[in-house]
Structure formats: C-alpha cells, structure tokens
Amino acid sequence: MSVTIDPEGSETRALGEMVDLSGTDVLEVGCGDGRLTWRYADLAASVLAIDTAADEVEKARETTPPRLRPTLTFEVVDITEDELPPAAYDVAILAHSL
C-alpha cells in the first residue's frame, strides 16, 4: 500500500499563495526525496534542491520526471557548512527543514 502525501494539494496551493515562482531561480533547502520540489519546479527557471541525506537526494535524482530534468538539480549539501553564491537565487524554500 502506498501513501499519498498531501493529496489535496494544500502545500502547493499555500506555496503559490506566498510567492509567484514563474521564471525564478529557486533554492530548496531540505528537499528530501523531491516530493515537494516536483510540484513547483516546472514554474521556475531553475531549481537547486539540496539536502544532507545522500540516500534521499539519490532517490530524488532517480525518480525525477524527465520533463523537469533540464532545470532541476539535486545536490547533497549542508547549508550550514557549504557556501552558496550570494544573490544567486530569487526564492529560497525551506519546507520541513527547520
């Protein structure tokens, strides 16, 4: 039996109410297996989705829908230890990361 997370689309709707992601460069911190990432990535110009859990990042890479692969990158990164370029992103998403 599989579990459907957020079948009503509440997370996606709430995200859309907070920010218009159309054409933006997005940094997602704590992407896990990518389940939220895939819900908005087609709107963005680019997405860097990071997490410290290598197994989750690998799962996200393997199961990313082909249509999202040109603009979506999953990386194993610890945001507290690695430095990202300043002003490289328009939006940062931290869902379930705090």
PDB file of N, CA and C in Angstrom:
ATOM      1  N   MET A   1       0.839  -1.173   0.000  1.00  0.00           N
ATOM      2  CA  MET A   1       0.000   0.000   0.000  1.00  0.00           C
ATOM      3  C   MET A   1       0.889   1.243   0.000  1.00  0.00           C
ATOM      4  N   SER A   2       0.637   2.152  -0.929  1.00  0.00           N
ATOM      5  CA  SER A   2       1.415   3.385  -0.968  1.00  0.00           C
ATOM      6  C   SER A   2       0.671   4.500  -0.238  1.00  0.00           C
ATOM      7  N   VAL A   3       1.440   5.437   0.254  1.00  0.00           N
ATOM      8  CA  VAL A   3       0.886   6.567   0.982  1.00  0.00           C
ATOM      9  C   VAL A   3       0.960   7.799   0.092  1.00  0.00           C
ATOM     10  N   THR A   4      -0.138   8.498  -0.046  1.00  0.00           N
ATOM     11  CA  THR A   4      -0.157   9.739  -0.806  1.00  0.00           C
ATOM     12  C   THR A   4      -0.037  10.894   0.175  1.00  0.00           C
ATOM     13  N   ILE A   5       0.991  11.691  -0.008  1.00  0.00           N
ATOM     14  CA  ILE A   5       1.217  12.827   0.874  1.00  0.00           C
ATOM     15  C   ILE A   5       0.585  14.064   0.250  1.00  0.00           C
ATOM     16  N   ASP A   6      -0.231  14.739   1.020  1.00  0.00           N
ATOM     17  CA  ASP A   6      -0.893  15.967   0.603  1.00  0.00           C
ATOM     18  C   ASP A   6      -1.724  15.783  -0.670  1.00  0.00           C
ATOM     19  N   PRO A   7      -2.656  14.815  -0.679  1.00  0.00           N
ATOM     20  CA  PRO A   7      -3.458  14.576  -1.883  1.00  0.00           C
ATOM     21  C   PRO A   7      -4.343  15.766  -2.267  1.00  0.00           C
ATOM     22  N   GLU A   8      -4.630  16.644  -1.325  1.00  0.00           N
ATOM     23  CA  GLU A   8      -5.469  17.805  -1.621  1.00  0.00           C
ATOM     24  C   GLU A   8      -4.669  18.943  -2.250  1.00  0.00           C
ATOM     25  N   GLY A   9      -3.347  18.830  -2.267  1.00  0.00           N
ATOM     26  CA  GLY A   9      -2.509  19.870  -2.841  1.00  0.00           C
ATOM     27  C   GLY A   9      -2.379  21.113  -1.978  1.00  0.00           C
ATOM     28  N   SER A  10      -2.570  20.972  -0.679  1.00  0.00           N
ATOM     29  CA  SER A  10      -2.511  22.118   0.235  1.00  0.00           C
ATOM     30  C   SER A  10      -1.145  22.783   0.244  1.00  0.00           C
ATOM     31  N   GLU A  11      -0.082  21.996   0.242  1.00  0.00           N
ATOM     32  CA  GLU A  11       1.268  22.574   0.242  1.00  0.00           C
ATOM     33  C   GLU A  11       1.516  23.393  -1.018  1.00  0.00           C
ATOM     34  N   THR A  12       1.161  22.826  -2.145  1.00  0.00           N
ATOM     35  CA  THR A  12       1.374  23.522  -3.409  1.00  0.00           C
ATOM     36  C   THR A  12       0.561  24.806  -3.473  1.00  0.00           C
ATOM     37  N   ARG A  13      -0.673  24.736  -3.041  1.00  0.00           N
ATOM     38  CA  ARG A  13      -1.547  25.908  -3.036  1.00  0.00           C
ATOM     39  C   ARG A  13      -0.995  26.993  -2.106  1.00  0.00           C
ATOM     40  N   ALA A  14      -0.566  26.612  -0.914  1.00  0.00           N
ATOM     41  CA  ALA A  14      -0.010  27.581   0.044  1.00  0.00           C
ATOM     42  C   ALA A  14       1.252  28.227  -0.512  1.00  0.00           C
ATOM     43  N   LEU A  15       2.102  27.451  -1.138  1.00  0.00           N
ATOM     44  CA  LEU A  15       3.321  27.987  -1.734  1.00  0.00           C
ATOM     45  C   LEU A  15       2.974  29.003  -2.822  1.00  0.00           C
ATOM     46  N   GLY A  16       2.013  28.657  -3.664  1.00  0.00           N
ATOM     47  CA  GLY A  16       1.588  29.559  -4.726  1.00  0.00           C
ATOM     48  C   GLY A  16       0.967  30.847  -4.219  1.00  0.00           C
ATOM     49  N   GLU A  17       0.348  30.791  -3.055  1.00  0.00           N
ATOM     50  CA  GLU A  17      -0.249  31.990  -2.461  1.00  0.00           C
ATOM     51  C   GLU A  17       0.821  32.911  -1.872  1.00  0.00           C
ATOM     52  N   MET A  18       1.961  32.357  -1.499  1.00  0.00           N
ATOM     53  CA  MET A  18       3.026  33.158  -0.894  1.00  0.00           C
ATOM     54  C   MET A  18       3.938  33.821  -1.917  1.00  0.00           C
ATOM     55  N   VAL A  19       4.205  33.136  -3.020  1.00  0.00           N
ATOM     56  CA  VAL A  19       5.176  33.662  -3.981  1.00  0.00           C
ATOM     57  C   VAL A  19       4.869  33.126  -5.381  1.00  0.00           C
ATOM     58  N   ASP A  20       5.081  33.971  -6.371  1.00  0.00           N
ATOM     59  CA  ASP A  20       4.961  33.557  -7.768  1.00  0.00           C
ATOM     60  C   ASP A  20       6.326  33.035  -8.197  1.00  0.00           C
ATOM     61  N   LEU A  21       6.415  31.763  -8.476  1.00  0.00           N
ATOM     62  CA  LEU A  21       7.689  31.135  -8.830  1.00  0.00           C
ATOM     63  C   LEU A  21       7.990  31.176 -10.322  1.00  0.00           C
ATOM     64  N   SER A  22       7.117  31.755 -11.098  1.00  0.00           N
ATOM     65  CA  SER A  22       7.289  31.795 -12.552  1.00  0.00           C
ATOM     66  C   SER A  22       8.603  32.467 -12.934  1.00  0.00           C
ATOM     67  N   GLY A  23       9.452  31.716 -13.625  1.00  0.00           N
ATOM     68  CA  GLY A  23      10.701  32.247 -14.137  1.00  0.00           C
ATOM     69  C   GLY A  23      11.765  32.548 -13.100  1.00  0.00           C
ATOM     70  N   THR A  24      11.590  32.075 -11.884  1.00  0.00           N
ATOM     71  CA  THR A  24      12.551  32.369 -10.818  1.00  0.00           C
ATOM     72  C   THR A  24      13.638  31.300 -10.725  1.00  0.00           C
ATOM     73  N   ASP A  25      14.732  31.677 -10.072  1.00  0.00           N
ATOM     74  CA  ASP A  25      15.781  30.724  -9.710  1.00  0.00           C
ATOM     75  C   ASP A  25      15.560  30.395  -8.245  1.00  0.00           C
ATOM     76  N   VAL A  26      15.303  29.105  -7.961  1.00  0.00           N
ATOM     77  CA  VAL A  26      14.877  28.671  -6.633  1.00  0.00           C
ATOM     78  C   VAL A  26      15.951  27.820  -5.973  1.00  0.00           C
ATOM     79  N   LEU A  27      16.152  28.064  -4.688  1.00  0.00           N
ATOM     80  CA  LEU A  27      16.967  27.205  -3.838  1.00  0.00           C
ATOM     81  C   LEU A  27      16.019  26.549  -2.854  1.00  0.00           C
ATOM     82  N   GLU A  28      15.969  25.219  -2.868  1.00  0.00           N
ATOM     83  CA  GLU A  28      15.152  24.498  -1.887  1.00  0.00           C
ATOM     84  C   GLU A  28      16.088  23.793  -0.911  1.00  0.00           C
ATOM     85  N   VAL A  29      15.992  24.157   0.352  1.00  0.00           N
ATOM     86  CA  VAL A  29      16.823  23.584   1.405  1.00  0.00           C
ATOM     87  C   VAL A  29      16.015  22.496   2.104  1.00  0.00           C
ATOM     88  N   GLY A  30      16.576  21.299   2.153  1.00  0.00           N
ATOM     89  CA  GLY A  30      15.881  20.178   2.783  1.00  0.00           C
ATOM     90  C   GLY A  30      14.877  19.544   1.844  1.00  0.00           C
ATOM     91  N   CYS A  31      15.303  19.254   0.629  1.00  0.00           N
ATOM     92  CA  CYS A  31      14.395  18.739  -0.404  1.00  0.00           C
ATOM     93  C   CYS A  31      13.985  17.292  -0.195  1.00  0.00           C
ATOM     94  N   GLY A  32      14.757  16.540   0.598  1.00  0.00           N
ATOM     95  CA  GLY A  32      14.426  15.133   0.801  1.00  0.00           C
ATOM     96  C   GLY A  32      14.376  14.386  -0.520  1.00  0.00           C
ATOM     97  N   ASP A  33      13.307  13.632  -0.722  1.00  0.00           N
ATOM     98  CA  ASP A  33      13.181  12.820  -1.935  1.00  0.00           C
ATOM     99  C   ASP A  33      12.573  13.581  -3.108  1.00  0.00           C
ATOM    100  N   GLY A  34      12.343  14.883  -2.946  1.00  0.00           N
ATOM    101  CA  GLY A  34      11.861  15.705  -4.049  1.00  0.00           C
ATOM    102  C   GLY A  34      10.363  15.823  -4.185  1.00  0.00           C
ATOM    103  N   ARG A  35       9.613  15.264  -3.240  1.00  0.00           N
ATOM    104  CA  ARG A  35       8.151  15.235  -3.407  1.00  0.00           C
ATOM    105  C   ARG A  35       7.526  16.613  -3.521  1.00  0.00           C
ATOM    106  N   LEU A  36       8.039  17.615  -2.804  1.00  0.00           N
ATOM    107  CA  LEU A  36       7.518  18.971  -2.951  1.00  0.00           C
ATOM    108  C   LEU A  36       8.151  19.649  -4.167  1.00  0.00           C
ATOM    109  N   THR A  37       9.405  19.392  -4.398  1.00  0.00           N
ATOM    110  CA  THR A  37      10.145  20.013  -5.494  1.00  0.00           C
ATOM    111  C   THR A  37       9.429  19.833  -6.826  1.00  0.00           C
ATOM    112  N   TRP A  38       8.970  18.633  -7.086  1.00  0.00           N
ATOM    113  CA  TRP A  38       8.323  18.341  -8.364  1.00  0.00           C
ATOM    114  C   TRP A  38       7.012  19.097  -8.546  1.00  0.00           C
ATOM    115  N   ARG A  39       6.435  19.565  -7.471  1.00  0.00           N
ATOM    116  CA  ARG A  39       5.149  20.254  -7.559  1.00  0.00           C
ATOM    117  C   ARG A  39       5.271  21.685  -8.069  1.00  0.00           C
ATOM    118  N   TYR A  40       6.442  22.274  -7.935  1.00  0.00           N
ATOM    119  CA  TYR A  40       6.593  23.660  -8.380  1.00  0.00           C
ATOM    120  C   TYR A  40       7.687  23.837  -9.428  1.00  0.00           C
ATOM    121  N   ALA A  41       8.549  22.860  -9.623  1.00  0.00           N
ATOM    122  CA  ALA A  41       9.752  23.033 -10.455  1.00  0.00           C
ATOM    123  C   ALA A  41       9.450  23.417 -11.895  1.00  0.00           C
ATOM    124  N   ASP A  42       8.311  23.013 -12.425  1.00  0.00           N
ATOM    125  CA  ASP A  42       8.008  23.357 -13.811  1.00  0.00           C
ATOM    126  C   ASP A  42       7.711  24.847 -13.993  1.00  0.00           C
ATOM    127  N   LEU A  43       7.444  25.562 -12.911  1.00  0.00           N
ATOM    128  CA  LEU A  43       7.210  27.007 -12.984  1.00  0.00           C
ATOM    129  C   LEU A  43       8.514  27.800 -13.005  1.00  0.00           C
ATOM    130  N   ALA A  44       9.533  27.279 -12.346  1.00  0.00           N
ATOM    131  CA  ALA A  44      10.789  28.004 -12.135  1.00  0.00           C
ATOM    132  C   ALA A  44      11.691  27.940 -13.359  1.00  0.00           C
ATOM    133  N   ALA A  45      12.587  28.931 -13.454  1.00  0.00           N
ATOM    134  CA  ALA A  45      13.612  28.901 -14.492  1.00  0.00           C
ATOM    135  C   ALA A  45      14.661  27.846 -14.157  1.00  0.00           C
ATOM    136  N   SER A  46      14.996  27.755 -12.858  1.00  0.00           N
ATOM    137  CA  SER A  46      15.945  26.746 -12.395  1.00  0.00           C
ATOM    138  C   SER A  46      15.690  26.464 -10.923  1.00  0.00           C
ATOM    139  N   VAL A  47      16.050  25.247 -10.517  1.00  0.00           N
ATOM    140  CA  VAL A  47      15.911  24.848  -9.116  1.00  0.00           C
ATOM    141  C   VAL A  47      17.166  24.103  -8.698  1.00  0.00           C
ATOM    142  N   LEU A  48      17.754  24.543  -7.586  1.00  0.00           N
ATOM    143  CA  LEU A  48      18.797  23.772  -6.918  1.00  0.00           C
ATOM    144  C   LEU A  48      18.164  23.275  -5.639  1.00  0.00           C
ATOM    145  N   ALA A  49      17.960  21.983  -5.549  1.00  0.00           N
ATOM    146  CA  ALA A  49      17.329  21.361  -4.390  1.00  0.00           C
ATOM    147  C   ALA A  49      18.408  20.606  -3.624  1.00  0.00           C
ATOM    148  N   ILE A  50      18.587  20.969  -2.351  1.00  0.00           N
ATOM    149  CA  ILE A  50      19.683  20.392  -1.572  1.00  0.00           C
ATOM    150  C   ILE A  50      19.169  19.713  -0.303  1.00  0.00           C
ATOM    151  N   ASP A  51      19.959  18.749   0.156  1.00  0.00           N
ATOM    152  CA  ASP A  51      19.654  18.038   1.392  1.00  0.00           C
ATOM    153  C   ASP A  51      20.953  17.394   1.877  1.00  0.00           C
ATOM    154  N   THR A  52      21.016  17.117   3.166  1.00  0.00           N
ATOM    155  CA  THR A  52      22.198  16.450   3.713  1.00  0.00           C
ATOM    156  C   THR A  52      22.111  14.932   3.596  1.00  0.00           C
ATOM    157  N   ALA A  53      20.932  14.408   3.338  1.00  0.00           N
ATOM    158  CA  ALA A  53      20.723  12.955   3.270  1.00  0.00           C
ATOM    159  C   ALA A  53      20.989  12.441   1.857  1.00  0.00           C
ATOM    160  N   ALA A  54      22.168  11.854   1.669  1.00  0.00           N
ATOM    161  CA  ALA A  54      22.578  11.383   0.343  1.00  0.00           C
ATOM    162  C   ALA A  54      21.605  10.371  -0.249  1.00  0.00           C
ATOM    163  N   ASP A  55      21.056   9.489   0.576  1.00  0.00           N
ATOM    164  CA  ASP A  55      20.126   8.487   0.060  1.00  0.00           C
ATOM    165  C   ASP A  55      18.835   9.126  -0.459  1.00  0.00           C
ATOM    166  N   GLU A  56      18.367  10.163   0.216  1.00  0.00           N
ATOM    167  CA  GLU A  56      17.159  10.868  -0.234  1.00  0.00           C
ATOM    168  C   GLU A  56      17.431  11.635  -1.526  1.00  0.00           C
ATOM    169  N   VAL A  57      18.579  12.272  -1.611  1.00  0.00           N
ATOM    170  CA  VAL A  57      18.947  13.009  -2.818  1.00  0.00           C
ATOM    171  C   VAL A  57      19.066  12.052  -4.002  1.00  0.00           C
ATOM    172  N   GLU A  58      19.670  10.903  -3.787  1.00  0.00           N
ATOM    173  CA  GLU A  58      19.789   9.909  -4.853  1.00  0.00           C
ATOM    174  C   GLU A  58      18.412   9.430  -5.306  1.00  0.00           C
ATOM    175  N   LYS A  59      17.514   9.199  -4.357  1.00  0.00           N
ATOM    176  CA  LYS A  59      16.143   8.803  -4.700  1.00  0.00           C
ATOM    177  C   LYS A  59      15.474   9.895  -5.534  1.00  0.00           C
ATOM    178  N   ALA A  60      15.660  11.151  -5.141  1.00  0.00           N
ATOM    179  CA  ALA A  60      15.074  12.270  -5.883  1.00  0.00           C
ATOM    180  C   ALA A  60      15.617  12.315  -7.311  1.00  0.00           C
ATOM    181  N   ARG A  61      16.905  12.143  -7.457  1.00  0.00           N
ATOM    182  CA  ARG A  61      17.512  12.154  -8.799  1.00  0.00           C
ATOM    183  C   ARG A  61      16.938  11.048  -9.676  1.00  0.00           C
ATOM    184  N   GLU A  62      16.846   9.848  -9.100  1.00  0.00           N
ATOM    185  CA  GLU A  62      16.388   8.684  -9.856  1.00  0.00           C
ATOM    186  C   GLU A  62      14.925   8.783 -10.271  1.00  0.00           C
ATOM    187  N   THR A  63      14.116   9.443  -9.484  1.00  0.00           N
ATOM    188  CA  THR A  63      12.676   9.468  -9.749  1.00  0.00           C
ATOM    189  C   THR A  63      12.165  10.807 -10.287  1.00  0.00           C
ATOM    190  N   THR A  64      13.075  11.716 -10.610  1.00  0.00           N
ATOM    191  CA  THR A  64      12.663  12.999 -11.179  1.00  0.00           C
ATOM    192  C   THR A  64      12.009  12.777 -12.533  1.00  0.00           C
ATOM    193  N   PRO A  65      10.835  13.348 -12.726  1.00  0.00           N
ATOM    194  CA  PRO A  65      10.188  13.234 -14.038  1.00  0.00           C
ATOM    195  C   PRO A  65      11.083  13.824 -15.132  1.00  0.00           C
ATOM    196  N   PRO A  66      11.178  13.167 -16.276  1.00  0.00           N
ATOM    197  CA  PRO A  66      12.063  13.626 -17.359  1.00  0.00           C
ATOM    198  C   PRO A  66      11.834  15.081 -17.768  1.00  0.00           C
ATOM    199  N   ARG A  67      10.607  15.562 -17.731  1.00  0.00           N
ATOM    200  CA  ARG A  67      10.314  16.930 -18.154  1.00  0.00           C
ATOM    201  C   ARG A  67      10.967  17.969 -17.247  1.00  0.00           C
ATOM    202  N   LEU A  68      11.316  17.585 -16.007  1.00  0.00           N
ATOM    203  CA  LEU A  68      11.901  18.528 -15.055  1.00  0.00           C
ATOM    204  C   LEU A  68      13.428  18.503 -15.039  1.00  0.00           C
ATOM    205  N   ARG A  69      14.014  17.502 -15.637  1.00  0.00           N
ATOM    206  CA  ARG A  69      15.478  17.324 -15.553  1.00  0.00           C
ATOM    207  C   ARG A  69      16.305  18.472 -16.133  1.00  0.00           C
ATOM    208  N   PRO A  70      15.861  19.166 -17.173  1.00  0.00           N
ATOM    209  CA  PRO A  70      16.694  20.259 -17.700  1.00  0.00           C
ATOM    210  C   PRO A  70      16.880  21.442 -16.746  1.00  0.00           C
ATOM    211  N   THR A  71      15.938  21.658 -15.841  1.00  0.00           N
ATOM    212  CA  THR A  71      16.022  22.843 -14.975  1.00  0.00           C
ATOM    213  C   THR A  71      16.198  22.518 -13.501  1.00  0.00           C
ATOM    214  N   LEU A  72      16.257  21.253 -13.157  1.00  0.00           N
ATOM    215  CA  LEU A  72      16.271  20.837 -11.760  1.00  0.00           C
ATOM    216  C   LEU A  72      17.545  20.073 -11.427  1.00  0.00           C
ATOM    217  N   THR A  73      18.204  20.509 -10.348  1.00  0.00           N
ATOM    218  CA  THR A  73      19.422  19.841  -9.881  1.00  0.00           C
ATOM    219  C   THR A  73      19.261  19.485  -8.410  1.00  0.00           C
ATOM    220  N   PHE A  74      19.543  18.238  -8.077  1.00  0.00           N
ATOM    221  CA  PHE A  74      19.555  17.778  -6.687  1.00  0.00           C
ATOM    222  C   PHE A  74      21.003  17.577  -6.273  1.00  0.00           C
ATOM    223  N   GLU A  75      21.379  18.136  -5.117  1.00  0.00           N
ATOM    224  CA  GLU A  75      22.749  18.010  -4.622  1.00  0.00           C
ATOM    225  C   GLU A  75      22.753  17.706  -3.130  1.00  0.00           C
ATOM    226  N   VAL A  76      23.779  16.962  -2.695  1.00  0.00           N
ATOM    227  CA  VAL A  76      23.992  16.726  -1.268  1.00  0.00           C
ATOM    228  C   VAL A  76      24.812  17.906  -0.758  1.00  0.00           C
ATOM    229  N   VAL A  77      24.181  18.744   0.056  1.00  0.00           N
ATOM    230  CA  VAL A  77      24.816  19.955   0.572  1.00  0.00           C
ATOM    231  C   VAL A  77      24.312  20.190   1.987  1.00  0.00           C
ATOM    232  N   ASP A  78      25.203  20.595   2.859  1.00  0.00           N
ATOM    233  CA  ASP A  78      24.828  21.028   4.209  1.00  0.00           C
ATOM    234  C   ASP A  78      24.870  22.553   4.204  1.00  0.00           C
ATOM    235  N   ILE A  79      23.725  23.169   4.248  1.00  0.00           N
ATOM    236  CA  ILE A  79      23.614  24.623   4.141  1.00  0.00           C
ATOM    237  C   ILE A  79      24.365  25.335   5.264  1.00  0.00           C
ATOM    238  N   THR A  80      24.601  24.658   6.373  1.00  0.00           N
ATOM    239  CA  THR A  80      25.318  25.285   7.483  1.00  0.00           C
ATOM    240  C   THR A  80      26.833  25.249   7.298  1.00  0.00           C
ATOM    241  N   GLU A  81      27.310  24.436   6.346  1.00  0.00           N
ATOM    242  CA  GLU A  81      28.747  24.302   6.147  1.00  0.00           C
ATOM    243  C   GLU A  81      29.222  24.723   4.765  1.00  0.00           C
ATOM    244  N   ASP A  82      28.367  24.649   3.780  1.00  0.00           N
ATOM    245  CA  ASP A  82      28.747  24.991   2.413  1.00  0.00           C
ATOM    246  C   ASP A  82      28.275  26.397   2.081  1.00  0.00           C
ATOM    247  N   GLU A  83      29.070  27.087   1.293  1.00  0.00           N
ATOM    248  CA  GLU A  83      28.727  28.449   0.930  1.00  0.00           C
ATOM    249  C   GLU A  83      28.148  28.479  -0.481  1.00  0.00           C
ATOM    250  N   LEU A  84      27.034  29.147  -0.624  1.00  0.00           N
ATOM    251  CA  LEU A  84      26.411  29.305  -1.928  1.00  0.00           C
ATOM    252  C   LEU A  84      26.668  30.730  -2.409  1.00  0.00           C
ATOM    253  N   PRO A  85      26.693  30.933  -3.716  1.00  0.00           N
ATOM    254  CA  PRO A  85      26.958  32.276  -4.225  1.00  0.00           C
ATOM    255  C   PRO A  85      25.893  33.271  -3.753  1.00  0.00           C
ATOM    256  N   PRO A  86      26.301  34.448  -3.297  1.00  0.00           N
ATOM    257  CA  PRO A  86      25.328  35.445  -2.857  1.00  0.00           C
ATOM    258  C   PRO A  86      24.479  35.919  -4.041  1.00  0.00           C
ATOM    259  N   ALA A  87      23.217  36.157  -3.770  1.00  0.00           N
ATOM    260  CA  ALA A  87      22.269  36.684  -4.764  1.00  0.00           C
ATOM    261  C   ALA A  87      22.102  35.770  -5.975  1.00  0.00           C
ATOM    262  N   ALA A  88      22.336  34.482  -5.819  1.00  0.00           N
ATOM    263  CA  ALA A  88      22.200  33.553  -6.941  1.00  0.00           C
ATOM    264  C   ALA A  88      20.765  33.059  -7.111  1.00  0.00           C
ATOM    265  N   TYR A  89      19.918  33.293  -6.125  1.00  0.00           N
ATOM    266  CA  TYR A  89      18.557  32.756  -6.148  1.00  0.00           C
ATOM    267  C   TYR A  89      17.549  33.853  -5.859  1.00  0.00           C
ATOM    268  N   ASP A  90      16.397  33.741  -6.503  1.00  0.00           N
ATOM    269  CA  ASP A  90      15.313  34.697  -6.276  1.00  0.00           C
ATOM    270  C   ASP A  90      14.477  34.300  -5.066  1.00  0.00           C
ATOM    271  N   VAL A  91      14.360  32.991  -4.841  1.00  0.00           N
ATOM    272  CA  VAL A  91      13.496  32.455  -3.793  1.00  0.00           C
ATOM    273  C   VAL A  91      14.201  31.293  -3.110  1.00  0.00           C
ATOM    274  N   ALA A  92      14.062  31.219  -1.783  1.00  0.00           N
ATOM    275  CA  ALA A  92      14.541  30.059  -1.030  1.00  0.00           C
ATOM    276  C   ALA A  92      13.338  29.413  -0.367  1.00  0.00           C
ATOM    277  N   ILE A  93      13.249  28.104  -0.471  1.00  0.00           N
ATOM    278  CA  ILE A  93      12.159  27.344   0.143  1.00  0.00           C
ATOM    279  C   ILE A  93      12.760  26.421   1.196  1.00  0.00           C
ATOM    280  N   LEU A  94      12.227  26.493   2.394  1.00  0.00           N
ATOM    281  CA  LEU A  94      12.639  25.607   3.472  1.00  0.00           C
ATOM    282  C   LEU A  94      11.379  24.948   4.027  1.00  0.00           C
ATOM    283  N   ALA A  95      10.953  23.891   3.399  1.00  0.00           N
ATOM    284  CA  ALA A  95       9.761  23.177   3.834  1.00  0.00           C
ATOM    285  C   ALA A  95      10.189  21.958   4.646  1.00  0.00           C
ATOM    286  N   HIS A  96       9.712  21.850   5.849  1.00  0.00           N
ATOM    287  CA  HIS A  96      10.038  20.725   6.730  1.00  0.00           C
ATOM    288  C   HIS A  96      11.522  20.671   7.042  1.00  0.00           C
ATOM    289  N   SER A  97      12.205  21.813   7.006  1.00  0.00           N
ATOM    290  CA  SER A  97      13.655  21.841   7.212  1.00  0.00           C
ATOM    291  C   SER A  97      14.069  22.408   8.549  1.00  0.00           C
ATOM    292  N   LEU A  98      13.184  23.057   9.242  1.00  0.00           N
ATOM    293  CA  LEU A  98      13.557  23.701  10.485  1.00  0.00           C
ATOM    294  C   LEU A  98      13.216  22.835  11.678  1.00  0.00           C
TER     295      LEU A  98
END
